[in-house]
Structure formats: C-alpha cells, structure tokens
Amino acid sequence: MDEAADVLIYLLQLANVLEVDLKEAAQQKILKNALKYPSESKVD
C-alpha cells in the first residue's frame, strides 16, 4: 500500500505544478474512452 500512496502523492504534486485539474482530466478521459470504445449493450 505504501507504493500506491507514493504514486498518488507524486501524481497530486505533479498535477499541482502543471496546474492540471485531475477531476476535469479524468472526466474528459472517460468521455474520450466512451467514444473510442462504445458499449455493445443496448437497451430496447
């Protein structure tokens, strides 16, 4: 678990330095993935 925490801390610090909004970046990536990999299940 220490390694996962280290990665999270590093990511938060990097995002802060680069002024990246991680929540917005994640939301945009989810939308991008949804377009690239559309769900095959369809509701009738």
N, C-alpha and C. Protein backbone atom coordinates (compact mmCIF):
# COMPACT_ATOMS: atom_id res chain seq x y z
N MET A 1 0.81 -1.21 0.00
CA MET A 1 0.00 0.00 0.00
C MET A 1 0.85 1.26 0.00
N ASP A 2 2.02 1.19 0.57
CA ASP A 2 2.88 2.37 0.60
C ASP A 2 3.21 2.84 -0.80
N GLU A 3 3.44 1.90 -1.70
CA GLU A 3 3.79 2.27 -3.07
C GLU A 3 2.64 2.98 -3.76
N ALA A 4 1.42 2.51 -3.55
CA ALA A 4 0.25 3.15 -4.15
C ALA A 4 0.09 4.57 -3.60
N ALA A 5 0.32 4.73 -2.33
CA ALA A 5 0.24 6.06 -1.72
C ALA A 5 1.33 6.97 -2.28
N ASP A 6 2.52 6.42 -2.48
CA ASP A 6 3.61 7.21 -3.07
C ASP A 6 3.25 7.70 -4.46
N VAL A 7 2.66 6.81 -5.26
CA VAL A 7 2.26 7.19 -6.62
C VAL A 7 1.20 8.28 -6.58
N LEU A 8 0.23 8.14 -5.69
CA LEU A 8 -0.83 9.14 -5.56
C LEU A 8 -0.25 10.49 -5.16
N ILE A 9 0.62 10.49 -4.18
CA ILE A 9 1.24 11.75 -3.72
C ILE A 9 2.01 12.40 -4.86
N TYR A 10 2.80 11.60 -5.59
CA TYR A 10 3.57 12.13 -6.71
C TYR A 10 2.65 12.72 -7.78
N LEU A 11 1.57 12.01 -8.10
CA LEU A 11 0.62 12.49 -9.10
C LEU A 11 -0.02 13.81 -8.67
N LEU A 12 -0.42 13.90 -7.41
CA LEU A 12 -1.03 15.14 -6.91
C LEU A 12 -0.04 16.30 -6.97
N GLN A 13 1.21 16.04 -6.61
CA GLN A 13 2.23 17.09 -6.66
C GLN A 13 2.49 17.52 -8.11
N LEU A 14 2.60 16.56 -9.01
CA LEU A 14 2.83 16.86 -10.42
C LEU A 14 1.67 17.66 -11.01
N ALA A 15 0.45 17.25 -10.72
CA ALA A 15 -0.73 17.95 -11.22
C ALA A 15 -0.76 19.39 -10.69
N ASN A 16 -0.35 19.56 -9.45
CA ASN A 16 -0.31 20.90 -8.87
C ASN A 16 0.71 21.78 -9.59
N VAL A 17 1.90 21.26 -9.83
CA VAL A 17 2.95 22.02 -10.52
C VAL A 17 2.52 22.36 -11.94
N LEU A 18 1.90 21.42 -12.63
CA LEU A 18 1.48 21.62 -14.02
C LEU A 18 0.13 22.31 -14.14
N GLU A 19 -0.49 22.59 -13.00
CA GLU A 19 -1.82 23.22 -12.95
C GLU A 19 -2.85 22.41 -13.73
N VAL A 20 -2.85 21.11 -13.48
CA VAL A 20 -3.80 20.20 -14.10
C VAL A 20 -4.93 19.91 -13.11
N ASP A 21 -6.16 20.09 -13.57
CA ASP A 21 -7.33 19.74 -12.76
C ASP A 21 -7.60 18.25 -12.99
N LEU A 22 -7.20 17.44 -12.02
CA LEU A 22 -7.31 15.99 -12.19
C LEU A 22 -8.75 15.52 -12.37
N LYS A 23 -9.67 16.14 -11.67
CA LYS A 23 -11.08 15.75 -11.82
C LYS A 23 -11.55 16.01 -13.25
N GLU A 24 -11.23 17.17 -13.78
CA GLU A 24 -11.61 17.51 -15.15
C GLU A 24 -10.90 16.60 -16.15
N ALA A 25 -9.62 16.34 -15.93
CA ALA A 25 -8.86 15.47 -16.82
C ALA A 25 -9.45 14.06 -16.84
N ALA A 26 -9.83 13.56 -15.69
CA ALA A 26 -10.43 12.22 -15.60
C ALA A 26 -11.78 12.19 -16.31
N GLN A 27 -12.59 13.22 -16.11
CA GLN A 27 -13.89 13.26 -16.76
C GLN A 27 -13.75 13.30 -18.29
N GLN A 28 -12.80 14.10 -18.77
CA GLN A 28 -12.56 14.18 -20.21
C GLN A 28 -12.07 12.84 -20.77
N LYS A 29 -11.22 12.16 -20.02
CA LYS A 29 -10.70 10.87 -20.46
C LYS A 29 -11.81 9.82 -20.50
N ILE A 30 -12.71 9.84 -19.54
CA ILE A 30 -13.84 8.91 -19.53
C ILE A 30 -14.71 9.13 -20.77
N LEU A 31 -14.97 10.40 -21.10
CA LEU A 31 -15.76 10.70 -22.30
C LEU A 31 -15.04 10.24 -23.56
N LYS A 32 -13.74 10.50 -23.63
CA LYS A 32 -12.94 10.09 -24.78
C LYS A 32 -12.96 8.57 -24.94
N ASN A 33 -12.81 7.85 -23.83
CA ASN A 33 -12.84 6.38 -23.88
C ASN A 33 -14.22 5.87 -24.31
N ALA A 34 -15.28 6.54 -23.87
CA ALA A 34 -16.63 6.11 -24.24
C ALA A 34 -16.84 6.22 -25.75
N LEU A 35 -16.24 7.25 -26.35
CA LEU A 35 -16.37 7.40 -27.80
C LEU A 35 -15.50 6.38 -28.54
N LYS A 36 -14.32 6.14 -28.00
CA LYS A 36 -13.40 5.21 -28.65
C LYS A 36 -13.83 3.76 -28.47
N TYR A 37 -14.39 3.45 -27.33
CA TYR A 37 -14.81 2.08 -27.01
C TYR A 37 -16.28 2.09 -26.60
N PRO A 38 -17.19 2.25 -27.57
CA PRO A 38 -18.61 2.32 -27.23
C PRO A 38 -19.12 0.99 -26.64
N SER A 39 -20.07 1.13 -25.76
CA SER A 39 -20.66 -0.05 -25.13
C SER A 39 -21.44 -0.84 -26.16
N GLU A 40 -21.30 -2.16 -26.12
CA GLU A 40 -22.02 -3.01 -27.06
C GLU A 40 -23.42 -3.35 -26.57
N SER A 41 -23.70 -3.10 -25.30
CA SER A 41 -25.02 -3.42 -24.77
C SER A 41 -25.99 -2.31 -25.16
N LYS A 42 -27.18 -2.73 -25.58
CA LYS A 42 -28.20 -1.77 -25.99
C LYS A 42 -29.48 -2.05 -25.22
N VAL A 43 -30.14 -1.00 -24.81
CA VAL A 43 -31.40 -1.13 -24.09
C VAL A 43 -32.53 -0.94 -25.08
N ASP A 44 -33.43 -1.93 -25.17
CA ASP A 44 -34.54 -1.85 -26.10
C ASP A 44 -35.77 -1.30 -25.45
